[in-house]
N, C-alpha and C. Protein backbone atom coordinates (compact mmCIF):
# COMPACT_ATOMS: atom_id res chain seq x y z
N GLU A 1 -28.70 -27.44 27.24
CA GLU A 1 -30.35 -26.43 27.71
C GLU A 1 -30.18 -26.53 29.20
N ARG A 2 -30.52 -27.77 29.52
CA ARG A 2 -30.60 -28.18 30.92
C ARG A 2 -29.59 -27.83 31.69
N ILE A 3 -28.19 -27.80 31.41
CA ILE A 3 -26.58 -27.06 32.17
C ILE A 3 -26.92 -25.71 32.02
N GLU A 4 -27.42 -25.02 31.12
CA GLU A 4 -27.69 -23.53 31.13
C GLU A 4 -28.99 -23.16 32.31
N GLU A 5 -30.04 -23.69 32.41
CA GLU A 5 -31.18 -23.36 33.04
C GLU A 5 -30.25 -23.81 34.68
N LEU A 6 -29.81 -24.54 34.96
CA LEU A 6 -29.36 -24.93 36.13
C LEU A 6 -28.08 -24.01 36.68
N GLY A 7 -27.44 -23.32 35.73
CA GLY A 7 -26.31 -22.35 35.89
C GLY A 7 -26.74 -21.29 36.00
N GLY A 8 -27.84 -21.09 34.97
CA GLY A 8 -28.80 -19.76 35.17
C GLY A 8 -29.34 -19.13 36.94
N ALA A 9 -29.37 -20.38 37.47
CA ALA A 9 -30.00 -20.08 38.85
C ALA A 9 -28.61 -20.36 39.87
N GLY A 10 -27.67 -20.54 39.28
CA GLY A 10 -26.31 -20.65 40.22
C GLY A 10 -26.89 -21.47 41.34
N SER A 11 -26.27 -21.23 42.29
CA SER A 11 -26.02 -22.30 43.79
C SER A 11 -27.10 -22.70 44.13
N ILE A 12 -27.90 -22.14 43.97
CA ILE A 12 -29.43 -22.04 44.56
C ILE A 12 -29.78 -23.48 43.73
N ALA A 13 -29.44 -23.62 42.55
CA ALA A 13 -30.04 -24.92 41.84
C ALA A 13 -29.22 -26.42 42.35
N LEU A 14 -28.06 -25.85 42.48
CA LEU A 14 -27.09 -26.85 43.02
C LEU A 14 -27.29 -27.35 44.65
N GLU A 15 -27.78 -26.48 45.32
CA GLU A 15 -28.32 -26.69 46.50
C GLU A 15 -29.47 -27.59 46.50
N LEU A 16 -30.48 -27.33 45.51
CA LEU A 16 -31.93 -27.82 45.36
C LEU A 16 -31.30 -29.55 44.91
N LEU A 17 -30.32 -29.44 44.06
CA LEU A 17 -30.15 -31.02 43.39
C LEU A 17 -29.70 -31.79 44.94
N GLN A 18 -29.35 -31.22 45.84
CA GLN A 18 -28.49 -32.05 46.84
C GLN A 18 -29.63 -32.32 47.74
N GLN A 19 -31.06 -31.69 47.76
CA GLN A 19 -32.06 -32.27 48.26
C GLN A 19 -32.82 -33.29 47.77
N LEU A 20 -32.51 -33.65 46.57
CA LEU A 20 -33.30 -34.47 46.05
C LEU A 20 -33.19 -36.12 46.44
N PRO A 21 -33.97 -36.96 46.14
CA PRO A 21 -33.64 -38.66 46.66
C PRO A 21 -32.34 -38.66 45.94
N SER A 22 -31.55 -39.63 46.47
CA SER A 22 -29.93 -39.88 45.72
C SER A 22 -30.36 -40.86 44.64
N ASP A 23 -31.22 -41.05 44.22
CA ASP A 23 -31.44 -41.85 42.89
C ASP A 23 -31.72 -40.78 41.86
N GLN A 24 -32.22 -39.55 42.30
CA GLN A 24 -32.48 -38.80 41.15
C GLN A 24 -31.18 -37.58 41.07
N ARG A 25 -30.55 -37.59 42.12
CA ARG A 25 -29.21 -36.61 42.23
C ARG A 25 -28.62 -37.30 41.47
N THR A 26 -28.11 -38.65 41.84
CA THR A 26 -27.08 -39.52 40.79
C THR A 26 -27.54 -39.36 39.45
N ALA A 27 -28.65 -39.66 38.90
CA ALA A 27 -29.00 -39.54 37.67
C ALA A 27 -28.69 -38.10 36.82
N ILE A 28 -28.93 -37.12 37.66
CA ILE A 28 -29.01 -35.73 36.94
C ILE A 28 -27.33 -35.42 37.04
N GLN A 29 -26.50 -35.55 38.17
CA GLN A 29 -25.33 -35.39 38.08
C GLN A 29 -24.80 -35.95 36.87
N GLY A 30 -24.91 -37.23 36.64
CA GLY A 30 -24.51 -38.14 35.46
C GLY A 30 -24.59 -37.52 34.31
N ARG A 31 -26.00 -37.51 33.94
CA ARG A 31 -26.61 -36.44 32.65
C ARG A 31 -26.30 -35.68 32.38
N VAL A 32 -26.74 -34.55 33.40
CA VAL A 32 -26.63 -33.25 33.02
C VAL A 32 -25.51 -32.23 33.22
N LEU A 33 -24.60 -32.60 34.49
CA LEU A 33 -23.53 -32.09 35.22
C LEU A 33 -22.17 -32.80 34.36
N GLN A 34 -22.16 -33.75 34.51
CA GLN A 34 -21.36 -34.88 33.81
C GLN A 34 -20.98 -35.15 32.09
N GLU A 35 -22.11 -35.10 31.53
CA GLU A 35 -22.89 -35.19 30.28
C GLU A 35 -22.98 -36.59 29.80
N ARG A 36 -22.90 -37.41 30.54
CA ARG A 36 -22.71 -38.73 30.14
C ARG A 36 -23.81 -39.49 29.42
N ASP A 37 -24.17 -40.51 28.66
CA ASP A 37 -25.69 -40.79 27.96
C ASP A 37 -25.84 -41.66 28.97
N TYR A 38 -27.46 -41.92 28.34
CA TYR A 38 -28.24 -42.60 29.10
C TYR A 38 -27.81 -44.03 29.01
N ALA A 39 -27.47 -44.72 28.32
CA ALA A 39 -26.59 -45.76 28.04
C ALA A 39 -25.37 -46.38 29.08
N ASP A 40 -24.36 -45.22 29.30
CA ASP A 40 -23.56 -45.46 30.14
C ASP A 40 -24.17 -45.21 31.61
N LEU A 41 -25.11 -44.39 31.73
CA LEU A 41 -25.33 -44.24 33.14
C LEU A 41 -26.21 -45.59 33.63
N ALA A 42 -26.98 -46.15 32.97
CA ALA A 42 -27.96 -47.23 32.64
C ALA A 42 -26.98 -48.43 33.05
N GLN A 43 -25.87 -48.70 32.75
CA GLN A 43 -25.13 -49.57 32.49
C GLN A 43 -24.14 -49.47 34.51
N SER A 44 -23.99 -48.53 34.73
CA SER A 44 -23.15 -48.06 35.85
C SER A 44 -24.39 -48.19 37.22
N LEU A 45 -25.28 -47.78 36.83
CA LEU A 45 -26.39 -48.06 37.72
C LEU A 45 -27.26 -49.23 37.71
N SER A 46 -26.75 -49.72 37.00
CA SER A 46 -27.68 -51.33 37.01
C SER A 46 -29.08 -51.28 36.89
N CYS A 47 -29.67 -50.15 35.83
CA CYS A 47 -31.10 -50.38 35.65
C CYS A 47 -30.78 -50.05 34.19
N SER A 48 -32.36 -49.89 33.76
CA SER A 48 -32.66 -49.50 32.44
C SER A 48 -32.55 -47.79 31.71
N GLN A 49 -32.10 -47.91 30.68
CA GLN A 49 -32.27 -46.35 30.14
C GLN A 49 -33.31 -45.66 30.71
N SER A 50 -34.65 -46.20 30.32
CA SER A 50 -35.99 -45.52 30.95
C SER A 50 -35.72 -45.22 32.07
N VAL A 51 -35.69 -46.22 32.93
CA VAL A 51 -35.17 -45.71 34.51
C VAL A 51 -34.40 -44.83 34.90
N VAL A 52 -33.36 -44.57 34.25
CA VAL A 52 -32.48 -43.26 34.16
C VAL A 52 -33.29 -42.12 33.73
N ARG A 53 -33.82 -42.22 32.66
CA ARG A 53 -34.61 -41.06 32.08
C ARG A 53 -35.36 -40.33 33.00
N GLN A 54 -36.53 -41.79 33.29
CA GLN A 54 -36.92 -40.84 34.13
C GLN A 54 -36.85 -40.39 35.43
N ARG A 55 -35.86 -40.95 35.83
CA ARG A 55 -34.88 -40.31 37.40
C ARG A 55 -34.58 -38.99 37.13
N VAL A 56 -34.14 -38.84 35.84
CA VAL A 56 -33.42 -37.29 35.24
C VAL A 56 -34.77 -36.49 35.31
N SER A 57 -35.76 -36.91 34.57
CA SER A 57 -36.70 -35.93 34.08
C SER A 57 -37.59 -35.80 35.70
N ARG A 58 -37.86 -36.25 36.59
CA ARG A 58 -38.10 -36.51 37.37
C ARG A 58 -37.82 -35.21 38.57
N GLY A 59 -36.47 -35.22 38.60
CA GLY A 59 -35.48 -34.80 39.36
C GLY A 59 -35.53 -33.16 39.08
N LEU A 60 -35.23 -33.08 37.75
CA LEU A 60 -35.16 -31.71 36.93
C LEU A 60 -36.67 -30.66 37.25
N LYS A 61 -37.64 -31.81 37.05
CA LYS A 61 -39.09 -31.28 37.16
C LYS A 61 -39.40 -30.52 38.94
N GLU A 62 -38.74 -31.38 39.87
CA GLU A 62 -38.50 -30.94 40.93
C GLU A 62 -37.79 -29.90 41.34
N ILE A 63 -36.65 -29.58 40.65
CA ILE A 63 -35.90 -28.44 41.15
C ILE A 63 -36.18 -27.31 40.89
N ARG A 64 -37.06 -27.72 38.97
CA ARG A 64 -38.04 -26.18 38.36
C ARG A 64 -38.87 -26.04 39.66
N ARG A 65 -39.44 -27.00 39.87
CA ARG A 65 -40.72 -26.67 40.57
C ARG A 65 -40.18 -25.69 41.90
N ARG A 66 -39.23 -26.19 42.47
CA ARG A 66 -38.89 -25.59 43.71
C ARG A 66 -38.13 -24.09 43.34
N LEU A 67 -37.79 -23.80 42.06
CA LEU A 67 -37.32 -22.77 41.79
C LEU A 67 -38.04 -21.45 41.51
N GLU A 68 -39.23 -22.22 41.00
CA GLU A 68 -40.37 -21.33 41.05
C GLU A 68 -40.99 -20.58 42.15
N HIS A 69 -40.96 -21.47 43.25
CA HIS A 69 -41.60 -21.06 44.30
C HIS A 69 -40.61 -20.38 45.29
N SER A 70 -39.28 -20.28 44.87
CA SER A 70 -38.78 -19.99 46.12
C SER A 70 -38.46 -18.31 45.80
N PRO A 71 -38.48 -17.62 47.09
CA PRO A 71 -38.42 -16.38 47.02
C PRO A 71 -37.32 -15.54 46.20
């Protein structure tokens, strides 16, 4: 579902992704674009699954907010 949301917005969403803090960007790229599971991401990022989930959630929320306010 999230991939479709990002894909539907096209390159604008990908540009917004690049503007996110690196921790959120990395989490979203891993989870949404590469379809890695939270456990795998948490291990590779040396943090807990809940931290990865939080980064993904906050990053997607910010992208969605910016898309809603873009011309």
